[in-house]
């Protein structure tokens, strides 16, 4: 199989030796509907992961509250023992209720238990990166994250986590966390139409810290815009490929983790790393988010 990630470049997490290609894979969609329970076709989910690695993916984003436990168990089934150089990033700070609800889980014991769930289900002795996922249903909410992030810093000192990151946070929370321990990545919602984090991306770029957008294609409400359709037609690509290519060209510190349960969609996503958008097209696409 030809490596589909020959283009798109790579990025080294600050203060580490971890270098990954800028196009990774997000595992959330490997669980059942609404990220709850097992997938309809577990063998197909295993196949998608193996195809991703064969095609050159070396960065997988996951969490043990996807399912819960489902995606991590599928990752272990598909890929363990893990290929050298594969970076697995998980997150703590939430849990699923028995009714499939999403709930905060940021007490000391919940964070410790959550980490051990990740380690057990992935078959690891230590996590490469764990993001503290600050709570906020519609986006980052102001307030101190020092207490829960300090717990993760303690677990890092114990050797159970190699590096720490953040998710769903404000610039002020990033700065606060950096007084406690180094932050190697930030993962927030961002895409062509949702540009609230433009200033944060630029700030992190100056520090050499990668920004990893979740819902890069709009999440549960996929991106739709006439400008996107027009650009796709000119490039003989899909609108979603153009949206991913725009993100890669937005800033050199952007890493992508588009998720899918389909090998066909996986290949389309990876091929977006080879699309170069002309400057005039980027300017037109920029207008989509600027109008929000």
C-alpha atoms as a PDB file:
ATOM      1  CA  UNK A   1       0.000   0.000   0.000  1.00  0.00           C
ATOM      2  CA  UNK A   2       1.348   3.428  -0.959  1.00  0.00           C
ATOM      3  CA  UNK A   3       1.922   5.753   1.959  1.00  0.00           C
ATOM      4  CA  UNK A   4      -0.794   8.367   1.545  1.00  0.00           C
ATOM      5  CA  UNK A   5       0.906  10.786   3.908  1.00  0.00           C
ATOM      6  CA  UNK A   6       4.033  11.536   1.911  1.00  0.00           C
ATOM      7  CA  UNK A   7       2.902  15.179   1.809  1.00  0.00           C
ATOM      8  CA  UNK A   8       1.484  17.466   4.467  1.00  0.00           C
ATOM      9  CA  UNK A   9       4.603  17.685   6.592  1.00  0.00           C
ATOM     10  CA  UNK A  10       5.273  16.694  10.186  1.00  0.00           C
ATOM     11  CA  UNK A  11       5.485  18.342  13.587  1.00  0.00           C
ATOM     12  CA  UNK A  12       7.510  17.691  16.737  1.00  0.00           C
ATOM     13  CA  UNK A  13       5.760  18.175  20.066  1.00  0.00           C
ATOM     14  CA  UNK A  14       7.658  20.831  22.056  1.00  0.00           C
ATOM     15  CA  UNK A  15      10.232  19.600  24.527  1.00  0.00           C
ATOM     16  CA  UNK A  16       9.886  16.011  23.288  1.00  0.00           C
ATOM     17  CA  UNK A  17      11.253  13.656  20.656  1.00  0.00           C
ATOM     18  CA  UNK A  18       7.723  12.834  19.425  1.00  0.00           C
ATOM     19  CA  UNK A  19       7.405  13.744  15.766  1.00  0.00           C
ATOM     20  CA  UNK A  20       4.161  12.972  13.945  1.00  0.00           C
ATOM     21  CA  UNK A  21       2.717  13.614  10.529  1.00  0.00           C
ATOM     22  CA  UNK A  22       0.273  16.504  10.578  1.00  0.00           C
ATOM     23  CA  UNK A  23      -2.621  14.293   9.466  1.00  0.00           C
ATOM     24  CA  UNK A  24      -3.648  11.846  12.189  1.00  0.00           C
ATOM     25  CA  UNK A  25      -6.781   9.900  13.033  1.00  0.00           C
ATOM     26  CA  UNK A  26      -9.542  10.477  15.595  1.00  0.00           C
ATOM     27  CA  UNK A  27     -11.077   7.281  16.998  1.00  0.00           C
ATOM     28  CA  UNK A  28     -14.381   8.626  18.340  1.00  0.00           C
ATOM     29  CA  UNK A  29     -16.468   7.306  15.441  1.00  0.00           C
ATOM     30  CA  UNK A  30     -15.316   3.726  16.068  1.00  0.00           C
ATOM     31  CA  UNK A  31     -17.890   3.437  18.853  1.00  0.00           C
ATOM     32  CA  UNK A  32     -21.605   2.892  18.257  1.00  0.00           C
ATOM     33  CA  UNK A  33     -24.198   5.562  17.412  1.00  0.00           C
ATOM     34  CA  UNK A  34     -23.817   8.759  19.476  1.00  0.00           C
ATOM     35  CA  UNK A  35     -20.416   7.432  20.623  1.00  0.00           C
ATOM     36  CA  UNK A  36     -22.209   4.900  22.811  1.00  0.00           C
ATOM     37  CA  UNK A  37     -21.757   1.137  22.930  1.00  0.00           C
ATOM     38  CA  UNK A  38     -20.021  -1.095  20.396  1.00  0.00           C
ATOM     39  CA  UNK A  39     -19.984  -0.497  16.642  1.00  0.00           C
ATOM     40  CA  UNK A  40     -22.306  -2.478  14.400  1.00  0.00           C
ATOM     41  CA  UNK A  41     -19.289  -4.035  12.686  1.00  0.00           C
ATOM     42  CA  UNK A  42     -16.309  -4.453  14.997  1.00  0.00           C
ATOM     43  CA  UNK A  43     -14.218  -6.144  12.302  1.00  0.00           C
ATOM     44  CA  UNK A  44     -14.716  -3.107  10.059  1.00  0.00           C
ATOM     45  CA  UNK A  45     -13.581  -0.796  12.870  1.00  0.00           C
ATOM     46  CA  UNK A  46     -10.449  -2.896  13.334  1.00  0.00           C
ATOM     47  CA  UNK A  47      -9.890  -2.736   9.588  1.00  0.00           C
ATOM     48  CA  UNK A  48     -10.076   1.067   9.503  1.00  0.00           C
ATOM     49  CA  UNK A  49      -7.396   1.365  12.187  1.00  0.00           C
ATOM     50  CA  UNK A  50      -5.082  -1.060  10.453  1.00  0.00           C
ATOM     51  CA  UNK A  51      -5.582   0.736   7.138  1.00  0.00           C
ATOM     52  CA  UNK A  52      -4.765   4.058   8.813  1.00  0.00           C
ATOM     53  CA  UNK A  53      -1.452   2.746  10.127  1.00  0.00           C
ATOM     54  CA  UNK A  54      -0.622   1.100   6.802  1.00  0.00           C
ATOM     55  CA  UNK A  55      -1.256   4.410   5.071  1.00  0.00           C
ATOM     56  CA  UNK A  56       1.195   6.213   7.331  1.00  0.00           C
ATOM     57  CA  UNK A  57      -0.875   7.559  10.225  1.00  0.00           C
ATOM     58  CA  UNK A  58       1.276   7.816  13.359  1.00  0.00           C
ATOM     59  CA  UNK A  59      -0.980   9.877  15.656  1.00  0.00           C
ATOM     60  CA  UNK A  60      -4.256   8.530  17.071  1.00  0.00           C
ATOM     61  CA  UNK A  61      -6.585  10.566  19.254  1.00  0.00           C
ATOM     62  CA  UNK A  62      -8.913   8.670  21.566  1.00  0.00           C
ATOM     63  CA  UNK A  63     -10.521   8.597  25.011  1.00  0.00           C
ATOM     64  CA  UNK A  64     -11.755   5.866  27.276  1.00  0.00           C
ATOM     65  CA  UNK A  65     -15.096   7.669  27.643  1.00  0.00           C
ATOM     66  CA  UNK A  66     -15.801   6.938  23.964  1.00  0.00           C
ATOM     67  CA  UNK A  67     -18.161   4.000  24.246  1.00  0.00           C
ATOM     68  CA  UNK A  68     -17.188   4.049  27.108  1.00  0.00           C
ATOM     69  CA  UNK A  69     -14.073   1.845  26.840  1.00  0.00           C
ATOM     70  CA  UNK A  70     -15.044   0.721  23.315  1.00  0.00           C
ATOM     71  CA  UNK A  71     -12.614   2.669  21.142  1.00  0.00           C
ATOM     72  CA  UNK A  72      -9.594   1.938  23.309  1.00  0.00           C
ATOM     73  CA  UNK A  73     -10.378  -1.773  23.339  1.00  0.00           C
ATOM     74  CA  UNK A  74     -10.710  -1.753  19.541  1.00  0.00           C
ATOM     75  CA  UNK A  75      -7.411   0.127  19.193  1.00  0.00           C
ATOM     76  CA  UNK A  76      -5.697  -2.505  21.329  1.00  0.00           C
ATOM     77  CA  UNK A  77      -7.266  -5.346  19.347  1.00  0.00           C
ATOM     78  CA  UNK A  78      -6.267  -3.816  16.037  1.00  0.00           C
ATOM     79  CA  UNK A  79      -2.790  -2.472  16.738  1.00  0.00           C
ATOM     80  CA  UNK A  80      -1.234  -3.967  19.888  1.00  0.00           C
ATOM     81  CA  UNK A  81       1.730  -4.409  20.138  1.00  0.00           C
ATOM     82  CA  UNK A  82       2.035  -0.902  18.809  1.00  0.00           C
ATOM     83  CA  UNK A  83       4.327   0.130  15.993  1.00  0.00           C
ATOM     84  CA  UNK A  84       7.380   2.146  17.026  1.00  0.00           C
ATOM     85  CA  UNK A  85       6.689   5.835  16.643  1.00  0.00           C
ATOM     86  CA  UNK A  86       2.926   5.601  17.022  1.00  0.00           C
ATOM     87  CA  UNK A  87       1.687   8.362  19.351  1.00  0.00           C
ATOM     88  CA  UNK A  88      -1.600   7.720  21.166  1.00  0.00           C
ATOM     89  CA  UNK A  89      -3.251  10.737  22.760  1.00  0.00           C
ATOM     90  CA  UNK A  90      -6.141  10.383  25.182  1.00  0.00           C
ATOM     91  CA  UNK A  91      -8.096  12.767  27.378  1.00  0.00           C
ATOM     92  CA  UNK A  92      -9.483  12.856  30.905  1.00  0.00           C
ATOM     93  CA  UNK A  93     -12.087  15.050  32.521  1.00  0.00           C
ATOM     94  CA  UNK A  94     -15.384  13.507  31.402  1.00  0.00           C
ATOM     95  CA  UNK A  95     -17.356  10.289  31.778  1.00  0.00           C
ATOM     96  CA  UNK A  96     -20.538   8.735  30.420  1.00  0.00           C
ATOM     97  CA  UNK A  97     -23.635   8.204  32.500  1.00  0.00           C
ATOM     98  CA  UNK A  98     -25.723   5.039  32.322  1.00  0.00           C
ATOM     99  CA  UNK A  99     -28.148   7.020  30.169  1.00  0.00           C
ATOM    100  CA  UNK A 100     -25.337   7.817  27.673  1.00  0.00           C
ATOM    101  CA  UNK A 101     -25.070  11.380  29.007  1.00  0.00           C
ATOM    102  CA  UNK A 102     -21.763  13.276  28.975  1.00  0.00           C
ATOM    103  CA  UNK A 103     -20.678  14.419  32.421  1.00  0.00           C
ATOM    104  CA  UNK A 104     -17.699  16.116  34.026  1.00  0.00           C
ATOM    105  CA  UNK A 105     -15.228  13.828  35.803  1.00  0.00           C
ATOM    106  CA  UNK A 106     -12.486  16.031  37.172  1.00  0.00           C
ATOM    107  CA  UNK A 107     -12.159  15.001  40.815  1.00  0.00           C
ATOM    108  CA  UNK A 108      -8.835  13.554  41.884  1.00  0.00           C
ATOM    109  CA  UNK A 109     -10.113   9.991  42.086  1.00  0.00           C
ATOM    110  CA  UNK A 110     -12.044  10.231  38.821  1.00  0.00           C
ATOM    111  CA  UNK A 111      -8.912  11.396  37.006  1.00  0.00           C
ATOM    112  CA  UNK A 112      -6.789   8.632  38.554  1.00  0.00           C
ATOM    113  CA  UNK A 113      -9.384   5.972  37.757  1.00  0.00           C
ATOM    114  CA  UNK A 114      -9.807   7.332  34.244  1.00  0.00           C
ATOM    115  CA  UNK A 115      -6.087   7.137  33.556  1.00  0.00           C
ATOM    116  CA  UNK A 116      -5.915   3.526  34.709  1.00  0.00           C
ATOM    117  CA  UNK A 117      -8.921   2.677  32.531  1.00  0.00           C
ATOM    118  CA  UNK A 118      -7.026   4.087  29.538  1.00  0.00           C
ATOM    119  CA  UNK A 119      -3.851   2.175  30.383  1.00  0.00           C
ATOM    120  CA  UNK A 120      -5.693  -1.104  30.895  1.00  0.00           C
ATOM    121  CA  UNK A 121      -7.866  -0.907  27.807  1.00  0.00           C
ATOM    122  CA  UNK A 122      -5.027   0.220  25.555  1.00  0.00           C
ATOM    123  CA  UNK A 123      -2.528  -2.243  27.007  1.00  0.00           C
ATOM    124  CA  UNK A 124       0.013   0.425  27.944  1.00  0.00           C
ATOM    125  CA  UNK A 125       2.249   1.088  30.939  1.00  0.00           C
ATOM    126  CA  UNK A 126       2.246   4.840  30.316  1.00  0.00           C
ATOM    127  CA  UNK A 127       0.304   7.190  28.053  1.00  0.00           C
ATOM    128  CA  UNK A 128       2.192   9.212  25.436  1.00  0.00           C
ATOM    129  CA  UNK A 129      -0.025  12.263  25.941  1.00  0.00           C
ATOM    130  CA  UNK A 130      -3.067  12.904  28.109  1.00  0.00           C
ATOM    131  CA  UNK A 131      -5.130  16.052  27.581  1.00  0.00           C
ATOM    132  CA  UNK A 132      -7.102  17.474  30.455  1.00  0.00           C
ATOM    133  CA  UNK A 133     -10.544  18.039  28.938  1.00  0.00           C
ATOM    134  CA  UNK A 134     -12.022  21.031  30.723  1.00  0.00           C
ATOM    135  CA  UNK A 135     -15.783  20.893  31.056  1.00  0.00           C
ATOM    136  CA  UNK A 136     -18.046  23.093  28.980  1.00  0.00           C
ATOM    137  CA  UNK A 137     -20.925  21.782  26.904  1.00  0.00           C
ATOM    138  CA  UNK A 138     -20.813  24.414  24.184  1.00  0.00           C
ATOM    139  CA  UNK A 139     -17.163  25.390  24.384  1.00  0.00           C
ATOM    140  CA  UNK A 140     -14.522  26.531  26.866  1.00  0.00           C
ATOM    141  CA  UNK A 141     -15.773  28.100  30.072  1.00  0.00           C
ATOM    142  CA  UNK A 142     -13.684  30.504  32.195  1.00  0.00           C
ATOM    143  CA  UNK A 143     -12.345  29.406  35.559  1.00  0.00           C
ATOM    144  CA  UNK A 144      -9.320  27.792  37.123  1.00  0.00           C
ATOM    145  CA  UNK A 145      -8.189  24.348  35.974  1.00  0.00           C
ATOM    146  CA  UNK A 146      -5.213  24.267  38.354  1.00  0.00           C
ATOM    147  CA  UNK A 147      -6.587  21.600  40.678  1.00  0.00           C
ATOM    148  CA  UNK A 148      -7.369  18.867  38.119  1.00  0.00           C
ATOM    149  CA  UNK A 149      -4.348  19.677  35.949  1.00  0.00           C
ATOM    150  CA  UNK A 150      -2.129  19.361  39.031  1.00  0.00           C
ATOM    151  CA  UNK A 151      -3.448  15.828  39.519  1.00  0.00           C
ATOM    152  CA  UNK A 152      -2.360  14.943  35.974  1.00  0.00           C
ATOM    153  CA  UNK A 153       1.023  16.531  36.664  1.00  0.00           C
ATOM    154  CA  UNK A 154       1.401  14.227  39.674  1.00  0.00           C
ATOM    155  CA  UNK A 155       0.544  11.212  37.526  1.00  0.00           C
ATOM    156  CA  UNK A 156       3.144  12.386  35.033  1.00  0.00           C
ATOM    157  CA  UNK A 157       5.737  12.558  37.805  1.00  0.00           C
ATOM    158  CA  UNK A 158       4.823   8.966  38.696  1.00  0.00           C
ATOM    159  CA  UNK A 159       5.713   7.918  35.147  1.00  0.00           C
ATOM    160  CA  UNK A 160       2.155   7.008  34.111  1.00  0.00           C
ATOM    161  CA  UNK A 161       1.879   9.899  31.625  1.00  0.00           C
ATOM    162  CA  UNK A 162       4.755  11.064  29.442  1.00  0.00           C
ATOM    163  CA  UNK A 163       3.353  14.420  28.352  1.00  0.00           C
ATOM    164  CA  UNK A 164       0.371  16.652  29.132  1.00  0.00           C
ATOM    165  CA  UNK A 165      -2.005  18.612  26.941  1.00  0.00           C
ATOM    166  CA  UNK A 166      -5.293  20.481  27.208  1.00  0.00           C
ATOM    167  CA  UNK A 167      -8.687  20.342  25.545  1.00  0.00           C
ATOM    168  CA  UNK A 168     -11.659  22.726  25.458  1.00  0.00           C
ATOM    169  CA  UNK A 169      -9.757  25.552  27.147  1.00  0.00           C
ATOM    170  CA  UNK A 170      -9.261  29.307  26.984  1.00  0.00           C
ATOM    171  CA  UNK A 171      -5.944  31.068  26.428  1.00  0.00           C
ATOM    172  CA  UNK A 172      -5.967  32.038  30.118  1.00  0.00           C
ATOM    173  CA  UNK A 173      -6.341  28.388  31.134  1.00  0.00           C
ATOM    174  CA  UNK A 174      -3.436  27.423  28.882  1.00  0.00           C
ATOM    175  CA  UNK A 175      -1.271  30.018  30.609  1.00  0.00           C
ATOM    176  CA  UNK A 176      -2.389  28.805  34.036  1.00  0.00           C
ATOM    177  CA  UNK A 177      -1.595  25.177  33.201  1.00  0.00           C
ATOM    178  CA  UNK A 178       1.857  26.149  31.950  1.00  0.00           C
ATOM    179  CA  UNK A 179       2.747  27.386  35.443  1.00  0.00           C
ATOM    180  CA  UNK A 180       2.146  23.812  36.670  1.00  0.00           C
ATOM    181  CA  UNK A 181       3.668  21.634  33.926  1.00  0.00           C
ATOM    182  CA  UNK A 182       4.669  21.901  30.256  1.00  0.00           C
ATOM    183  CA  UNK A 183       1.755  21.776  27.808  1.00  0.00           C
ATOM    184  CA  UNK A 184       2.630  19.955  24.571  1.00  0.00           C
ATOM    185  CA  UNK A 185      -0.661  20.395  22.683  1.00  0.00           C
ATOM    186  CA  UNK A 186      -4.068  22.068  22.819  1.00  0.00           C
ATOM    187  CA  UNK A 187      -7.223  20.527  21.367  1.00  0.00           C
ATOM    188  CA  UNK A 188     -10.261  22.768  20.867  1.00  0.00           C
ATOM    189  CA  UNK A 189     -13.179  22.959  18.470  1.00  0.00           C
ATOM    190  CA  UNK A 190     -12.166  24.762  15.287  1.00  0.00           C
ATOM    191  CA  UNK A 191     -12.899  24.518  11.585  1.00  0.00           C
ATOM    192  CA  UNK A 192     -13.451  26.609   8.487  1.00  0.00           C
ATOM    193  CA  UNK A 193     -16.735  27.998   9.842  1.00  0.00           C
ATOM    194  CA  UNK A 194     -15.863  28.123  13.564  1.00  0.00           C
ATOM    195  CA  UNK A 195     -12.933  30.507  13.926  1.00  0.00           C
ATOM    196  CA  UNK A 196     -13.181  31.593  17.564  1.00  0.00           C
ATOM    197  CA  UNK A 197      -9.689  30.254  18.296  1.00  0.00           C
ATOM    198  CA  UNK A 198      -7.797  32.181  15.613  1.00  0.00           C
ATOM    199  CA  UNK A 199      -5.865  34.219  18.182  1.00  0.00           C
ATOM    200  CA  UNK A 200      -5.083  31.131  20.303  1.00  0.00           C
ATOM    201  CA  UNK A 201      -3.713  29.250  17.287  1.00  0.00           C
ATOM    202  CA  UNK A 202      -1.379  32.136  16.526  1.00  0.00           C
ATOM    203  CA  UNK A 203      -0.300  32.404  20.169  1.00  0.00           C
ATOM    204  CA  UNK A 204       0.504  28.693  20.351  1.00  0.00           C
ATOM    205  CA  UNK A 205       2.351  28.829  17.033  1.00  0.00           C
ATOM    206  CA  UNK A 206       4.744  31.394  18.520  1.00  0.00           C
ATOM    207  CA  UNK A 207       5.430  28.917  21.337  1.00  0.00           C
ATOM    208  CA  UNK A 208       5.860  25.948  19.010  1.00  0.00           C
ATOM    209  CA  UNK A 209       2.823  24.197  20.522  1.00  0.00           C
ATOM    210  CA  UNK A 210       0.545  22.193  18.201  1.00  0.00           C
ATOM    211  CA  UNK A 211      -3.131  23.036  17.975  1.00  0.00           C
ATOM    212  CA  UNK A 212      -5.379  20.037  17.258  1.00  0.00           C
ATOM    213  CA  UNK A 213      -8.898  21.000  16.131  1.00  0.00           C
ATOM    214  CA  UNK A 214     -11.698  18.635  17.039  1.00  0.00           C
ATOM    215  CA  UNK A 215     -14.750  18.605  14.786  1.00  0.00           C
ATOM    216  CA  UNK A 216     -12.505  19.781  11.901  1.00  0.00           C
ATOM    217  CA  UNK A 217     -15.348  19.022   9.485  1.00  0.00           C
ATOM    218  CA  UNK A 218     -18.134  20.440  11.618  1.00  0.00           C
ATOM    219  CA  UNK A 219     -18.835  17.433  13.817  1.00  0.00           C
ATOM    220  CA  UNK A 220     -22.455  16.338  14.006  1.00  0.00           C
ATOM    221  CA  UNK A 221     -23.472  19.176  11.637  1.00  0.00           C
ATOM    222  CA  UNK A 222     -21.075  18.853   8.679  1.00  0.00           C
ATOM    223  CA  UNK A 223     -19.775  21.985   7.024  1.00  0.00           C
ATOM    224  CA  UNK A 224     -21.827  23.355   4.148  1.00  0.00           C
ATOM    225  CA  UNK A 225     -21.046  26.446   2.072  1.00  0.00           C
ATOM    226  CA  UNK A 226     -21.286  27.394  -1.568  1.00  0.00           C
ATOM    227  CA  UNK A 227     -17.685  28.648  -1.448  1.00  0.00           C
ATOM    228  CA  UNK A 228     -16.558  25.244  -0.238  1.00  0.00           C
ATOM    229  CA  UNK A 229     -18.480  23.460  -2.987  1.00  0.00           C
ATOM    230  CA  UNK A 230     -17.062  25.802  -5.614  1.00  0.00           C
ATOM    231  CA  UNK A 231     -13.485  25.301  -4.458  1.00  0.00           C
ATOM    232  CA  UNK A 232     -13.946  21.535  -4.426  1.00  0.00           C
ATOM    233  CA  UNK A 233     -15.248  21.561  -7.984  1.00  0.00           C
ATOM    234  CA  UNK A 234     -12.242  23.593  -9.191  1.00  0.00           C
ATOM    235  CA  UNK A 235      -9.790  21.243  -7.475  1.00  0.00           C
ATOM    236  CA  UNK A 236     -11.636  18.047  -8.396  1.00  0.00           C
ATOM    237  CA  UNK A 237     -11.789  17.216  -4.697  1.00  0.00           C
ATOM    238  CA  UNK A 238     -14.571  16.793  -2.159  1.00  0.00           C
ATOM    239  CA  UNK A 239     -15.717  19.734  -0.009  1.00  0.00           C
ATOM    240  CA  UNK A 240     -14.465  17.940   3.091  1.00  0.00           C
ATOM    241  CA  UNK A 241     -11.019  17.446   1.561  1.00  0.00           C
ATOM    242  CA  UNK A 242     -10.865  21.167   0.851  1.00  0.00           C
ATOM    243  CA  UNK A 243     -11.897  21.947   4.441  1.00  0.00           C
ATOM    244  CA  UNK A 244      -9.083  19.745   5.764  1.00  0.00           C
ATOM    245  CA  UNK A 245      -6.552  21.224   3.337  1.00  0.00           C
ATOM    246  CA  UNK A 246      -7.570  24.714   4.503  1.00  0.00           C
ATOM    247  CA  UNK A 247      -6.822  23.726   8.097  1.00  0.00           C
ATOM    248  CA  UNK A 248      -3.379  22.383   7.174  1.00  0.00           C
ATOM    249  CA  UNK A 249      -2.588  25.660   5.422  1.00  0.00           C
ATOM    250  CA  UNK A 250      -4.085  27.779   8.223  1.00  0.00           C
ATOM    251  CA  UNK A 251      -0.951  27.412  10.361  1.00  0.00           C
ATOM    252  CA  UNK A 252       2.053  25.084  10.454  1.00  0.00           C
ATOM    253  CA  UNK A 253       1.256  24.113  14.059  1.00  0.00           C
ATOM    254  CA  UNK A 254      -2.175  22.661  13.193  1.00  0.00           C
ATOM    255  CA  UNK A 255      -2.407  18.860  13.468  1.00  0.00           C
ATOM    256  CA  UNK A 256      -5.519  17.120  12.164  1.00  0.00           C
ATOM    257  CA  UNK A 257      -7.405  14.131  13.596  1.00  0.00           C
ATOM    258  CA  UNK A 258     -10.426  13.606  11.322  1.00  0.00           C
ATOM    259  CA  UNK A 259     -12.370  10.516  12.310  1.00  0.00           C
ATOM    260  CA  UNK A 260     -14.332   7.995  10.300  1.00  0.00           C
ATOM    261  CA  UNK A 261     -15.520   4.405  10.460  1.00  0.00           C
ATOM    262  CA  UNK A 262     -15.150   3.976   6.685  1.00  0.00           C
ATOM    263  CA  UNK A 263     -11.956   3.010   4.863  1.00  0.00           C
ATOM    264  CA  UNK A 264     -13.147   4.977   1.844  1.00  0.00           C
ATOM    265  CA  UNK A 265     -13.596   8.150   3.881  1.00  0.00           C
ATOM    266  CA  UNK A 266     -10.294   7.513   5.642  1.00  0.00           C
ATOM    267  CA  UNK A 267      -8.484   7.496   2.311  1.00  0.00           C
ATOM    268  CA  UNK A 268     -10.259  10.670   1.210  1.00  0.00           C
ATOM    269  CA  UNK A 269      -9.255  12.408   4.436  1.00  0.00           C
ATOM    270  CA  UNK A 270      -5.615  11.400   4.106  1.00  0.00           C
ATOM    271  CA  UNK A 271      -5.467  12.541   0.499  1.00  0.00           C
ATOM    272  CA  UNK A 272      -6.377  16.053   1.679  1.00  0.00           C
ATOM    273  CA  UNK A 273      -2.777  16.361   2.885  1.00  0.00           C
ATOM    274  CA  UNK A 274      -1.719  16.507  -0.769  1.00  0.00           C
ATOM    275  CA  UNK A 275      -4.022  19.375  -1.783  1.00  0.00           C
ATOM    276  CA  UNK A 276      -2.443  22.817  -2.157  1.00  0.00           C
ATOM    277  CA  UNK A 277      -4.967  25.654  -2.074  1.00  0.00           C
ATOM    278  CA  UNK A 278      -4.136  28.761  -4.141  1.00  0.00           C
ATOM    279  CA  UNK A 279      -3.927  32.003  -2.163  1.00  0.00           C
ATOM    280  CA  UNK A 280      -6.995  33.503  -3.817  1.00  0.00           C
ATOM    281  CA  UNK A 281      -9.010  30.391  -2.920  1.00  0.00           C
ATOM    282  CA  UNK A 282      -7.851  30.580   0.697  1.00  0.00           C
ATOM    283  CA  UNK A 283      -8.973  34.201   0.835  1.00  0.00           C
ATOM    284  CA  UNK A 284     -12.413  33.237  -0.460  1.00  0.00           C
ATOM    285  CA  UNK A 285     -12.727  30.350   2.001  1.00  0.00           C
ATOM    286  CA  UNK A 286     -11.620  32.593   4.859  1.00  0.00           C
ATOM    287  CA  UNK A 287     -14.793  34.541   4.316  1.00  0.00           C
ATOM    288  CA  UNK A 288     -16.921  31.609   5.494  1.00  0.00           C
ATOM    289  CA  UNK A 289     -15.692  31.902   9.081  1.00  0.00           C
ATOM    290  CA  UNK A 290     -15.381  35.651   9.012  1.00  0.00           C
ATOM    291  CA  UNK A 291     -19.124  35.912   8.420  1.00  0.00           C
ATOM    292  CA  UNK A 292     -19.949  33.963  11.597  1.00  0.00           C
END
